[in-house]
C-alpha atoms as a PDB file:
ATOM      1  CA  UNK A   1      38.038  70.506  16.304  1.00  0.00           C
ATOM      2  CA  UNK A   2      39.941  68.314  13.422  1.00  0.00           C
ATOM      3  CA  UNK A   3      41.008  65.235  14.321  1.00  0.00           C
ATOM      4  CA  UNK A   4      44.317  64.365  12.628  1.00  0.00           C
ATOM      5  CA  UNK A   5      47.060  61.705  12.402  1.00  0.00           C
ATOM      6  CA  UNK A   6      49.987  60.893  10.046  1.00  0.00           C
ATOM      7  CA  UNK A   7      49.427  57.464   7.816  1.00  0.00           C
ATOM      8  CA  UNK A   8      52.455  55.759   6.826  1.00  0.00           C
ATOM      9  CA  UNK A   9      52.293  53.026   3.933  1.00  0.00           C
ATOM     10  CA  UNK A  10      56.119  51.024   3.956  1.00  0.00           C
ATOM     11  CA  UNK A  11      56.586  49.338   0.535  1.00  0.00           C
ATOM     12  CA  UNK A  12      59.534  47.679  -0.718  1.00  0.00           C
ATOM     13  CA  UNK A  13      59.309  49.961  -3.339  1.00  0.00           C
ATOM     14  CA  UNK A  14      58.232  53.420  -1.684  1.00  0.00           C
ATOM     15  CA  UNK A  15      57.214  55.327   0.909  1.00  0.00           C
ATOM     16  CA  UNK A  16      53.774  56.612   1.120  1.00  0.00           C
ATOM     17  CA  UNK A  17      53.058  59.230   3.519  1.00  0.00           C
ATOM     18  CA  UNK A  18      49.969  61.195   4.278  1.00  0.00           C
ATOM     19  CA  UNK A  19      48.462  63.723   6.587  1.00  0.00           C
ATOM     20  CA  UNK A  20      44.667  62.840   7.232  1.00  0.00           C
ATOM     21  CA  UNK A  21      41.780  64.178   8.644  1.00  0.00           C
ATOM     22  CA  UNK A  22      39.549  61.351  10.890  1.00  0.00           C
ATOM     23  CA  UNK A  23      35.757  62.743   8.885  1.00  0.00           C
ATOM     24  CA  UNK A  24      38.093  64.021   5.413  1.00  0.00           C
ATOM     25  CA  UNK A  25      40.704  61.433   5.220  1.00  0.00           C
ATOM     26  CA  UNK A  26      44.546  62.338   3.462  1.00  0.00           C
ATOM     27  CA  UNK A  27      44.600  66.056   3.482  1.00  0.00           C
ATOM     28  CA  UNK A  28      48.309  66.228   2.037  1.00  0.00           C
ATOM     29  CA  UNK A  29      50.874  63.485   0.416  1.00  0.00           C
ATOM     30  CA  UNK A  30      54.390  62.572  -0.316  1.00  0.00           C
ATOM     31  CA  UNK A  31      55.596  59.838  -2.369  1.00  0.00           C
ATOM     32  CA  UNK A  32      59.760  58.410  -1.392  1.00  0.00           C
ATOM     33  CA  UNK A  33      61.637  55.234  -2.526  1.00  0.00           C
ATOM     34  CA  UNK A  34      61.881  53.362  -0.091  1.00  0.00           C
ATOM     35  CA  UNK A  35      66.013  53.074   1.411  1.00  0.00           C
ATOM     36  CA  UNK A  36      66.503  49.025   1.386  1.00  0.00           C
ATOM     37  CA  UNK A  37      69.685  49.168   0.996  1.00  0.00           C
ATOM     38  CA  UNK A  38      69.890  50.917   4.337  1.00  0.00           C
ATOM     39  CA  UNK A  39      68.481  48.419   6.451  1.00  0.00           C
ATOM     40  CA  UNK A  40      65.827  48.641   9.129  1.00  0.00           C
ATOM     41  CA  UNK A  41      67.832  51.453  11.136  1.00  0.00           C
ATOM     42  CA  UNK A  42      68.207  53.704   7.767  1.00  0.00           C
ATOM     43  CA  UNK A  43      64.527  53.171   6.700  1.00  0.00           C
ATOM     44  CA  UNK A  44      63.412  53.824  10.610  1.00  0.00           C
ATOM     45  CA  UNK A  45      65.567  57.367  10.468  1.00  0.00           C
ATOM     46  CA  UNK A  46      63.999  57.616   6.148  1.00  0.00           C
ATOM     47  CA  UNK A  47      60.153  57.716   8.440  1.00  0.00           C
ATOM     48  CA  UNK A  48      61.190  59.660  11.142  1.00  0.00           C
ATOM     49  CA  UNK A  49      62.158  62.396   8.618  1.00  0.00           C
ATOM     50  CA  UNK A  50      59.093  61.548   6.464  1.00  0.00           C
ATOM     51  CA  UNK A  51      56.864  61.924   9.641  1.00  0.00           C
ATOM     52  CA  UNK A  52      58.871  64.749  10.436  1.00  0.00           C
ATOM     53  CA  UNK A  53      58.311  67.100   7.590  1.00  0.00           C
ATOM     54  CA  UNK A  54      54.657  66.238   7.911  1.00  0.00           C
ATOM     55  CA  UNK A  55      54.049  66.704  11.449  1.00  0.00           C
ATOM     56  CA  UNK A  56      56.080  70.245  10.988  1.00  0.00           C
ATOM     57  CA  UNK A  57      54.081  71.674   7.442  1.00  0.00           C
ATOM     58  CA  UNK A  58      50.584  69.782   8.938  1.00  0.00           C
ATOM     59  CA  UNK A  59      50.846  71.628  12.686  1.00  0.00           C
ATOM     60  CA  UNK A  60      51.460  75.146  10.966  1.00  0.00           C
ATOM     61  CA  UNK A  61      47.000  75.165  10.025  1.00  0.00           C
ATOM     62  CA  UNK A  62      46.318  72.178  11.782  1.00  0.00           C
ATOM     63  CA  UNK A  63      45.654  71.640  16.174  1.00  0.00           C
ATOM     64  CA  UNK A  64      49.031  70.205  17.830  1.00  0.00           C
ATOM     65  CA  UNK A  65      46.639  68.996  19.930  1.00  0.00           C
ATOM     66  CA  UNK A  66      44.118  67.548  17.793  1.00  0.00           C
ATOM     67  CA  UNK A  67      46.980  65.526  16.553  1.00  0.00           C
ATOM     68  CA  UNK A  68      46.239  61.183  17.332  1.00  0.00           C
ATOM     69  CA  UNK A  69      49.251  59.878  15.983  1.00  0.00           C
ATOM     70  CA  UNK A  70      51.710  58.086  13.123  1.00  0.00           C
ATOM     71  CA  UNK A  71      49.792  54.887  11.779  1.00  0.00           C
ATOM     72  CA  UNK A  72      52.275  52.968   9.994  1.00  0.00           C
ATOM     73  CA  UNK A  73      51.729  49.713   7.877  1.00  0.00           C
ATOM     74  CA  UNK A  74      54.260  47.719   7.118  1.00  0.00           C
ATOM     75  CA  UNK A  75      54.761  44.321   5.029  1.00  0.00           C
ATOM     76  CA  UNK A  76      54.785  41.468   6.957  1.00  0.00           C
ATOM     77  CA  UNK A  77      54.100  39.713  10.353  1.00  0.00           C
ATOM     78  CA  UNK A  78      53.482  42.110  13.028  1.00  0.00           C
ATOM     79  CA  UNK A  79      52.680  41.717  16.816  1.00  0.00           C
ATOM     80  CA  UNK A  80      50.812  44.660  17.455  1.00  0.00           C
ATOM     81  CA  UNK A  81      51.448  44.016  21.347  1.00  0.00           C
ATOM     82  CA  UNK A  82      55.047  44.760  21.390  1.00  0.00           C
ATOM     83  CA  UNK A  83      55.476  47.147  18.385  1.00  0.00           C
ATOM     84  CA  UNK A  84      57.253  44.746  16.455  1.00  0.00           C
ATOM     85  CA  UNK A  85      57.443  43.388  12.588  1.00  0.00           C
ATOM     86  CA  UNK A  86      59.142  40.000  12.131  1.00  0.00           C
ATOM     87  CA  UNK A  87      60.763  39.139   8.326  1.00  0.00           C
ATOM     88  CA  UNK A  88      59.142  41.061   5.498  1.00  0.00           C
ATOM     89  CA  UNK A  89      59.468  39.340   2.418  1.00  0.00           C
ATOM     90  CA  UNK A  90      60.553  42.000   0.633  1.00  0.00           C
ATOM     91  CA  UNK A  91      63.123  44.218   3.344  1.00  0.00           C
ATOM     92  CA  UNK A  92      65.932  42.291   2.552  1.00  0.00           C
ATOM     93  CA  UNK A  93      67.998  41.719   5.547  1.00  0.00           C
ATOM     94  CA  UNK A  94      65.461  42.654   7.974  1.00  0.00           C
ATOM     95  CA  UNK A  95      64.674  40.034  10.747  1.00  0.00           C
ATOM     96  CA  UNK A  96      62.207  40.625  13.685  1.00  0.00           C
ATOM     97  CA  UNK A  97      62.689  44.611  14.253  1.00  0.00           C
ATOM     98  CA  UNK A  98      61.187  46.304  17.096  1.00  0.00           C
ATOM     99  CA  UNK A  99      59.372  49.387  14.897  1.00  0.00           C
ATOM    100  CA  UNK A 100      57.810  51.514  16.560  1.00  0.00           C
ATOM    101  CA  UNK A 101      59.825  51.524  19.728  1.00  0.00           C
ATOM    102  CA  UNK A 102      62.662  52.623  17.143  1.00  0.00           C
ATOM    103  CA  UNK A 103      60.600  55.018  15.147  1.00  0.00           C
ATOM    104  CA  UNK A 104      59.648  56.282  18.614  1.00  0.00           C
ATOM    105  CA  UNK A 105      62.534  57.150  19.712  1.00  0.00           C
ATOM    106  CA  UNK A 106      64.069  58.598  15.978  1.00  0.00           C
ATOM    107  CA  UNK A 107      60.916  60.919  16.107  1.00  0.00           C
ATOM    108  CA  UNK A 108      61.897  62.855  19.487  1.00  0.00           C
ATOM    109  CA  UNK A 109      65.917  62.582  18.877  1.00  0.00           C
ATOM    110  CA  UNK A 110      65.466  63.737  15.591  1.00  0.00           C
ATOM    111  CA  UNK A 111      62.318  67.024  16.058  1.00  0.00           C
ATOM    112  CA  UNK A 112      61.478  66.341  19.778  1.00  0.00           C
ATOM    113  CA  UNK A 113      58.146  64.666  19.207  1.00  0.00           C
ATOM    114  CA  UNK A 114      56.787  62.289  21.615  1.00  0.00           C
ATOM    115  CA  UNK A 115      53.994  61.076  19.376  1.00  0.00           C
ATOM    116  CA  UNK A 116      51.691  57.328  19.588  1.00  0.00           C
ATOM    117  CA  UNK A 117      52.846  55.340  16.812  1.00  0.00           C
ATOM    118  CA  UNK A 118      50.308  52.215  15.906  1.00  0.00           C
ATOM    119  CA  UNK A 119      51.559  49.343  13.801  1.00  0.00           C
ATOM    120  CA  UNK A 120      49.541  47.238  11.571  1.00  0.00           C
ATOM    121  CA  UNK A 121      50.553  45.080   8.694  1.00  0.00           C
ATOM    122  CA  UNK A 122      50.433  46.861   5.669  1.00  0.00           C
ATOM    123  CA  UNK A 123      47.585  45.178   3.571  1.00  0.00           C
ATOM    124  CA  UNK A 124      45.254  45.160   6.813  1.00  0.00           C
ATOM    125  CA  UNK A 125      45.417  49.669   7.141  1.00  0.00           C
ATOM    126  CA  UNK A 126      44.725  49.211   3.035  1.00  0.00           C
ATOM    127  CA  UNK A 127      41.776  46.828   3.979  1.00  0.00           C
ATOM    128  CA  UNK A 128      40.769  49.470   6.696  1.00  0.00           C
ATOM    129  CA  UNK A 129      40.997  52.151   4.707  1.00  0.00           C
ATOM    130  CA  UNK A 130      38.936  50.834   2.300  1.00  0.00           C
ATOM    131  CA  UNK A 131      36.323  49.825   4.962  1.00  0.00           C
ATOM    132  CA  UNK A 132      36.413  53.291   6.167  1.00  0.00           C
ATOM    133  CA  UNK A 133      37.068  55.816   3.379  1.00  0.00           C
ATOM    134  CA  UNK A 134      36.381  53.280   0.315  1.00  0.00           C
ATOM    135  CA  UNK A 135      35.033  50.888  -1.828  1.00  0.00           C
ATOM    136  CA  UNK A 136      34.642  48.147   1.604  1.00  0.00           C
ATOM    137  CA  UNK A 137      32.116  51.442   3.158  1.00  0.00           C
ATOM    138  CA  UNK A 138      28.714  49.339   1.779  1.00  0.00           C
ATOM    139  CA  UNK A 139      30.272  45.464   3.109  1.00  0.00           C
ATOM    140  CA  UNK A 140      29.594  44.014   6.174  1.00  0.00           C
ATOM    141  CA  UNK A 141      32.191  41.635   5.653  1.00  0.00           C
ATOM    142  CA  UNK A 142      34.817  41.475   2.580  1.00  0.00           C
ATOM    143  CA  UNK A 143      38.741  40.743   1.897  1.00  0.00           C
ATOM    144  CA  UNK A 144      40.952  43.655   0.415  1.00  0.00           C
ATOM    145  CA  UNK A 145      43.931  41.955  -1.804  1.00  0.00           C
ATOM    146  CA  UNK A 146      46.521  44.262  -2.428  1.00  0.00           C
ATOM    147  CA  UNK A 147      48.288  43.284  -5.548  1.00  0.00           C
ATOM    148  CA  UNK A 148      51.764  44.709  -6.408  1.00  0.00           C
ATOM    149  CA  UNK A 149      55.691  43.822  -5.759  1.00  0.00           C
ATOM    150  CA  UNK A 150      53.942  41.293  -3.529  1.00  0.00           C
ATOM    151  CA  UNK A 151      49.886  40.442  -2.864  1.00  0.00           C
ATOM    152  CA  UNK A 152      48.787  41.117   0.558  1.00  0.00           C
ATOM    153  CA  UNK A 153      45.941  40.477   2.114  1.00  0.00           C
ATOM    154  CA  UNK A 154      43.614  42.096   5.012  1.00  0.00           C
ATOM    155  CA  UNK A 155      39.960  40.715   6.153  1.00  0.00           C
ATOM    156  CA  UNK A 156      37.159  42.847   7.539  1.00  0.00           C
ATOM    157  CA  UNK A 157      34.474  40.921   9.563  1.00  0.00           C
ATOM    158  CA  UNK A 158      31.143  42.724  10.742  1.00  0.00           C
ATOM    159  CA  UNK A 159      33.067  46.186  10.049  1.00  0.00           C
ATOM    160  CA  UNK A 160      36.359  45.056  12.024  1.00  0.00           C
ATOM    161  CA  UNK A 161      39.697  44.165  11.151  1.00  0.00           C
ATOM    162  CA  UNK A 162      39.720  39.939  11.468  1.00  0.00           C
ATOM    163  CA  UNK A 163      44.107  40.059  12.253  1.00  0.00           C
ATOM    164  CA  UNK A 164      43.852  35.976  13.988  1.00  0.00           C
ATOM    165  CA  UNK A 165      45.614  35.452  17.532  1.00  0.00           C
ATOM    166  CA  UNK A 166      49.171  35.760  16.271  1.00  0.00           C
ATOM    167  CA  UNK A 167      48.564  38.548  13.627  1.00  0.00           C
ATOM    168  CA  UNK A 168      48.572  37.547  10.497  1.00  0.00           C
ATOM    169  CA  UNK A 169      45.157  36.404   9.256  1.00  0.00           C
ATOM    170  CA  UNK A 170      44.594  37.880   5.708  1.00  0.00           C
ATOM    171  CA  UNK A 171      47.572  36.651   4.279  1.00  0.00           C
ATOM    172  CA  UNK A 172      46.839  35.387   0.987  1.00  0.00           C
ATOM    173  CA  UNK A 173      49.479  35.904  -1.051  1.00  0.00           C
ATOM    174  CA  UNK A 174      51.492  32.905   1.356  1.00  0.00           C
ATOM    175  CA  UNK A 175      47.965  30.671  -0.099  1.00  0.00           C
ATOM    176  CA  UNK A 176      49.421  28.270  -1.868  1.00  0.00           C
ATOM    177  CA  UNK A 177      47.136  27.228  -4.812  1.00  0.00           C
ATOM    178  CA  UNK A 178      50.439  25.175  -7.270  1.00  0.00           C
ATOM    179  CA  UNK A 179      52.690  22.609  -4.012  1.00  0.00           C
ATOM    180  CA  UNK A 180      54.428  21.004  -6.949  1.00  0.00           C
ATOM    181  CA  UNK A 181      54.832  23.538  -9.215  1.00  0.00           C
ATOM    182  CA  UNK A 182      58.962  25.392  -9.603  1.00  0.00           C
ATOM    183  CA  UNK A 183      57.913  28.823  -8.152  1.00  0.00           C
ATOM    184  CA  UNK A 184      59.314  29.298  -4.666  1.00  0.00           C
ATOM    185  CA  UNK A 185      59.524  32.226  -3.162  1.00  0.00           C
ATOM    186  CA  UNK A 186      60.469  32.711   1.345  1.00  0.00           C
ATOM    187  CA  UNK A 187      60.949  29.117   1.382  1.00  0.00           C
ATOM    188  CA  UNK A 188      57.885  28.129   0.235  1.00  0.00           C
ATOM    189  CA  UNK A 189      56.388  26.468  -2.774  1.00  0.00           C
ATOM    190  CA  UNK A 190      53.658  28.207  -4.793  1.00  0.00           C
ATOM    191  CA  UNK A 191      51.982  30.947  -2.982  1.00  0.00           C
ATOM    192  CA  UNK A 192      50.056  33.393  -4.831  1.00  0.00           C
ATOM    193  CA  UNK A 193      53.122  36.108  -4.229  1.00  0.00           C
ATOM    194  CA  UNK A 194      55.380  33.546  -5.629  1.00  0.00           C
ATOM    195  CA  UNK A 195      53.092  32.957  -8.874  1.00  0.00           C
ATOM    196  CA  UNK A 196      51.963  36.679  -9.126  1.00  0.00           C
ATOM    197  CA  UNK A 197      53.762  39.525  -7.699  1.00  0.00           C
ATOM    198  CA  UNK A 198      55.192  42.030  -9.710  1.00  0.00           C
ATOM    199  CA  UNK A 199      58.329  40.369 -10.576  1.00  0.00           C
ATOM    200  CA  UNK A 200      57.278  37.056 -11.195  1.00  0.00           C
ATOM    201  CA  UNK A 201      54.939  38.375 -13.434  1.00  0.00           C
ATOM    202  CA  UNK A 202      57.125  40.269 -15.647  1.00  0.00           C
ATOM    203  CA  UNK A 203      59.156  36.335 -15.187  1.00  0.00           C
ATOM    204  CA  UNK A 204      56.049  34.950 -16.630  1.00  0.00           C
ATOM    205  CA  UNK A 205      55.679  37.507 -19.668  1.00  0.00           C
ATOM    206  CA  UNK A 206      59.266  36.804 -20.481  1.00  0.00           C
ATOM    207  CA  UNK A 207      59.243  32.789 -20.794  1.00  0.00           C
ATOM    208  CA  UNK A 208      55.529  33.190 -22.557  1.00  0.00           C
ATOM    209  CA  UNK A 209      56.931  35.628 -24.450  1.00  0.00           C
ATOM    210  CA  UNK A 210      59.403  32.963 -25.697  1.00  0.00           C
ATOM    211  CA  UNK A 211      57.889  30.141 -26.077  1.00  0.00           C
ATOM    212  CA  UNK A 212      54.843  31.908 -28.681  1.00  0.00           C
ATOM    213  CA  UNK A 213      55.804  30.798 -32.251  1.00  0.00           C
ATOM    214  CA  UNK A 214      54.466  34.101 -33.238  1.00  0.00           C
ATOM    215  CA  UNK A 215      56.065  36.713 -30.790  1.00  0.00           C
ATOM    216  CA  UNK A 216      54.978  39.770 -29.080  1.00  0.00           C
ATOM    217  CA  UNK A 217      54.607  43.197 -29.815  1.00  0.00           C
ATOM    218  CA  UNK A 218      55.381  43.685 -26.354  1.00  0.00           C
ATOM    219  CA  UNK A 219      58.779  45.283 -27.265  1.00  0.00           C
ATOM    220  CA  UNK A 220      57.528  48.370 -28.875  1.00  0.00           C
ATOM    221  CA  UNK A 221      56.621  49.417 -25.622  1.00  0.00           C
ATOM    222  CA  UNK A 222      60.396  48.950 -23.601  1.00  0.00           C
ATOM    223  CA  UNK A 223      62.107  50.176 -26.112  1.00  0.00           C
ATOM    224  CA  UNK A 224      62.665  45.677 -27.086  1.00  0.00           C
ATOM    225  CA  UNK A 225      64.482  45.717 -24.558  1.00  0.00           C
ATOM    226  CA  UNK A 226      62.750  42.915 -22.173  1.00  0.00           C
ATOM    227  CA  UNK A 227      65.577  43.364 -19.315  1.00  0.00           C
ATOM    228  CA  UNK A 228      63.347  46.374 -18.787  1.00  0.00           C
ATOM    229  CA  UNK A 229      59.968  45.117 -19.240  1.00  0.00           C
ATOM    230  CA  UNK A 230      57.146  46.291 -16.614  1.00  0.00           C
ATOM    231  CA  UNK A 231      54.070  44.942 -15.917  1.00  0.00           C
ATOM    232  CA  UNK A 232      52.928  48.059 -17.407  1.00  0.00           C
ATOM    233  CA  UNK A 233      53.953  47.501 -20.327  1.00  0.00           C
ATOM    234  CA  UNK A 234      52.082  44.345 -20.895  1.00  0.00           C
ATOM    235  CA  UNK A 235      49.001  46.116 -20.465  1.00  0.00           C
ATOM    236  CA  UNK A 236      50.297  48.016 -22.942  1.00  0.00           C
ATOM    237  CA  UNK A 237      50.343  45.410 -25.044  1.00  0.00           C
ATOM    238  CA  UNK A 238      47.557  44.242 -23.707  1.00  0.00           C
ATOM    239  CA  UNK A 239      45.523  46.191 -24.385  1.00  0.00           C
ATOM    240  CA  UNK A 240      46.237  46.969 -27.958  1.00  0.00           C
ATOM    241  CA  UNK A 241      45.260  43.346 -28.668  1.00  0.00           C
ATOM    242  CA  UNK A 242      48.834  41.524 -28.212  1.00  0.00           C
ATOM    243  CA  UNK A 243      47.695  37.788 -27.760  1.00  0.00           C
ATOM    244  CA  UNK A 244      50.664  36.926 -25.857  1.00  0.00           C
ATOM    245  CA  UNK A 245      50.389  39.027 -23.154  1.00  0.00           C
ATOM    246  CA  UNK A 246      46.183  38.788 -22.628  1.00  0.00           C
ATOM    247  CA  UNK A 247      47.198  35.057 -22.171  1.00  0.00           C
ATOM    248  CA  UNK A 248      49.993  36.529 -19.014  1.00  0.00           C
ATOM    249  CA  UNK A 249      46.499  38.665 -17.825  1.00  0.00           C
ATOM    250  CA  UNK A 250      44.135  35.838 -18.117  1.00  0.00           C
ATOM    251  CA  UNK A 251      46.741  33.565 -16.427  1.00  0.00           C
ATOM    252  CA  UNK A 252      47.474  36.421 -13.362  1.00  0.00           C
ATOM    253  CA  UNK A 253      43.567  36.502 -12.990  1.00  0.00           C
ATOM    254  CA  UNK A 254      43.241  32.690 -13.060  1.00  0.00           C
ATOM    255  CA  UNK A 255      45.528  32.217 -10.627  1.00  0.00           C
ATOM    256  CA  UNK A 256      44.114  35.156  -8.507  1.00  0.00           C
ATOM    257  CA  UNK A 257      40.540  34.434  -8.890  1.00  0.00           C
ATOM    258  CA  UNK A 258      41.842  30.251  -7.195  1.00  0.00           C
ATOM    259  CA  UNK A 259      42.840  32.174  -4.167  1.00  0.00           C
ATOM    260  CA  UNK A 260      40.184  34.363  -3.979  1.00  0.00           C
ATOM    261  CA  UNK A 261      37.628  30.850  -4.168  1.00  0.00           C
ATOM    262  CA  UNK A 262      39.184  29.341  -1.427  1.00  0.00           C
ATOM    263  CA  UNK A 263      39.138  32.016   0.839  1.00  0.00           C
ATOM    264  CA  UNK A 264      35.307  31.591  -0.053  1.00  0.00           C
ATOM    265  CA  UNK A 265      34.947  28.094   0.535  1.00  0.00           C
ATOM    266  CA  UNK A 266      36.925  28.549   3.685  1.00  0.00           C
ATOM    267  CA  UNK A 267      35.454  31.242   5.152  1.00  0.00           C
ATOM    268  CA  UNK A 268      31.716  32.453   3.236  1.00  0.00           C
ATOM    269  CA  UNK A 269      33.468  35.641   2.033  1.00  0.00           C
ATOM    270  CA  UNK A 270      32.091  37.181  -1.287  1.00  0.00           C
ATOM    271  CA  UNK A 271      32.781  40.434  -1.786  1.00  0.00           C
ATOM    272  CA  UNK A 272      36.644  41.172  -2.349  1.00  0.00           C
ATOM    273  CA  UNK A 273      38.202  44.736  -2.812  1.00  0.00           C
ATOM    274  CA  UNK A 274      41.089  44.397  -5.355  1.00  0.00           C
ATOM    275  CA  UNK A 275      43.648  47.812  -4.860  1.00  0.00           C
ATOM    276  CA  UNK A 276      47.503  47.869  -6.055  1.00  0.00           C
ATOM    277  CA  UNK A 277      49.150  48.868  -8.678  1.00  0.00           C
ATOM    278  CA  UNK A 278      49.253  45.820 -10.309  1.00  0.00           C
ATOM    279  CA  UNK A 279      44.821  46.146 -10.180  1.00  0.00           C
ATOM    280  CA  UNK A 280      45.398  48.375 -12.087  1.00  0.00           C
ATOM    281  CA  UNK A 281      45.520  46.940 -14.928  1.00  0.00           C
ATOM    282  CA  UNK A 282      41.442  46.382 -14.458  1.00  0.00           C
ATOM    283  CA  UNK A 283      39.899  44.007 -16.277  1.00  0.00           C
ATOM    284  CA  UNK A 284      42.478  42.626 -17.582  1.00  0.00           C
ATOM    285  CA  UNK A 285      42.734  40.857 -14.156  1.00  0.00           C
ATOM    286  CA  UNK A 286      39.480  41.501 -12.764  1.00  0.00           C
ATOM    287  CA  UNK A 287      37.753  39.654 -15.707  1.00  0.00           C
ATOM    288  CA  UNK A 288      39.682  36.319 -15.697  1.00  0.00           C
ATOM    289  CA  UNK A 289      39.571  36.502 -11.824  1.00  0.00           C
ATOM    290  CA  UNK A 290      35.913  36.409 -11.751  1.00  0.00           C
ATOM    291  CA  UNK A 291      35.471  33.498 -14.275  1.00  0.00           C
ATOM    292  CA  UNK A 292      37.669  31.822 -12.169  1.00  0.00           C
ATOM    293  CA  UNK A 293      36.548  32.168  -8.954  1.00  0.00           C
ATOM    294  CA  UNK A 294      33.446  31.174 -10.306  1.00  0.00           C
ATOM    295  CA  UNK A 295      34.082  28.554 -11.749  1.00  0.00           C
ATOM    296  CA  UNK A 296      35.982  27.006  -9.173  1.00  0.00           C
ATOM    297  CA  UNK A 297      33.453  27.426  -6.079  1.00  0.00           C
ATOM    298  CA  UNK A 298      29.910  25.625  -5.442  1.00  0.00           C
ATOM    299  CA  UNK A 299      26.591  27.127  -6.965  1.00  0.00           C
ATOM    300  CA  UNK A 300      25.786  27.679  -3.427  1.00  0.00           C
ATOM    301  CA  UNK A 301      28.298  29.641  -2.940  1.00  0.00           C
ATOM    302  CA  UNK A 302      27.695  31.715  -6.064  1.00  0.00           C
ATOM    303  CA  UNK A 303      25.252  33.993  -4.486  1.00  0.00           C
ATOM    304  CA  UNK A 304      26.994  37.954  -4.442  1.00  0.00           C
ATOM    305  CA  UNK A 305      30.779  37.288  -5.386  1.00  0.00           C
ATOM    306  CA  UNK A 306      31.334  40.416  -6.768  1.00  0.00           C
ATOM    307  CA  UNK A 307      35.365  42.010  -7.294  1.00  0.00           C
ATOM    308  CA  UNK A 308      35.455  46.049  -7.038  1.00  0.00           C
ATOM    309  CA  UNK A 309      38.350  47.904  -7.499  1.00  0.00           C
ATOM    310  CA  UNK A 310      40.206  49.494  -4.329  1.00  0.00           C
ATOM    311  CA  UNK A 311      38.362  52.992  -5.149  1.00  0.00           C
ATOM    312  CA  UNK A 312      41.647  54.872  -2.803  1.00  0.00           C
ATOM    313  CA  UNK A 313      43.961  53.382  -4.947  1.00  0.00           C
ATOM    314  CA  UNK A 314      47.707  53.464  -3.956  1.00  0.00           C
ATOM    315  CA  UNK A 315      46.672  56.166  -1.363  1.00  0.00           C
ATOM    316  CA  UNK A 316      44.398  53.504   0.467  1.00  0.00           C
ATOM    317  CA  UNK A 317      47.344  52.330   3.040  1.00  0.00           C
ATOM    318  CA  UNK A 318      47.959  55.403   3.782  1.00  0.00           C
ATOM    319  CA  UNK A 319      44.495  56.356   4.772  1.00  0.00           C
ATOM    320  CA  UNK A 320      43.829  53.041   6.712  1.00  0.00           C
ATOM    321  CA  UNK A 321      47.313  53.762   8.515  1.00  0.00           C
ATOM    322  CA  UNK A 322      45.948  57.317   9.403  1.00  0.00           C
ATOM    323  CA  UNK A 323      42.755  55.365  10.679  1.00  0.00           C
ATOM    324  CA  UNK A 324      44.480  52.888  12.900  1.00  0.00           C
ATOM    325  CA  UNK A 325      45.526  55.845  15.071  1.00  0.00           C
ATOM    326  CA  UNK A 326      41.710  57.412  15.092  1.00  0.00           C
ATOM    327  CA  UNK A 327      39.967  53.721  16.107  1.00  0.00           C
ATOM    328  CA  UNK A 328      42.624  53.106  18.507  1.00  0.00           C
ATOM    329  CA  UNK A 329      43.627  55.897  20.018  1.00  0.00           C
END
């Protein structure tokens, strides 16, 4: 019997979805821009449509009797008992949404599918994906960090997700590293996400370019239009030796490393799996982050410190969302 499920990773910019087998991992995928302008109900309809299409296609070759449900990784605070998502920071117009109930209702109305829906924070889902299928398989305890539109985290202790009593454990993006700074995100000053979320990295680069007497070559990669600047442009310029862009990534890595040092001091976690789109900058981020982590921890805490790239890439979330179905059904 080939047990299978659908995993969905709801992000601020894209909805990633996949059919996954319990033993094999992801079998097929889709990526769709998030319909953020349509609000909660519009996104529920969008997810329902995506899941329905995947279910119909997969059930041609996979036995519907072996279907374990739909797992959903979402940004923000999740009440897994009530099935609600509260105030996702990168989905404007949302407050508290009964996402599980609304999605189940939409699936029945649209394709007549009665299926269990399992809901968790997106970073928790990514952590579970890496723990079961990816870079975390060899670690008993680790923190998964996702660097993308926002900065998320998921804690694995003794091979199990640790969510905390309110379901918000691991939200490293809202760890404060600069309480007197000017950056305010989601009403909080000086958080990691408010400093190195995707758009904040771009803002940092623009400020550093403007302040540099010698300028930067990064304009060559964005048609000399800094309004089009993206982290990929900054990465490319840095890899080609641009000093300003190299300094941008040094700053980003230092901020991340400071946050990781706080995690090590608090929880004695020494293994960190780093994923998300921004992690594609690789050693530009990993090198300064590990250096700052070591500088910011006591010698007695440094043995075994390790940063490893998430090997599932942008599929970690959908792997983990599907794994929720297998672990909880």
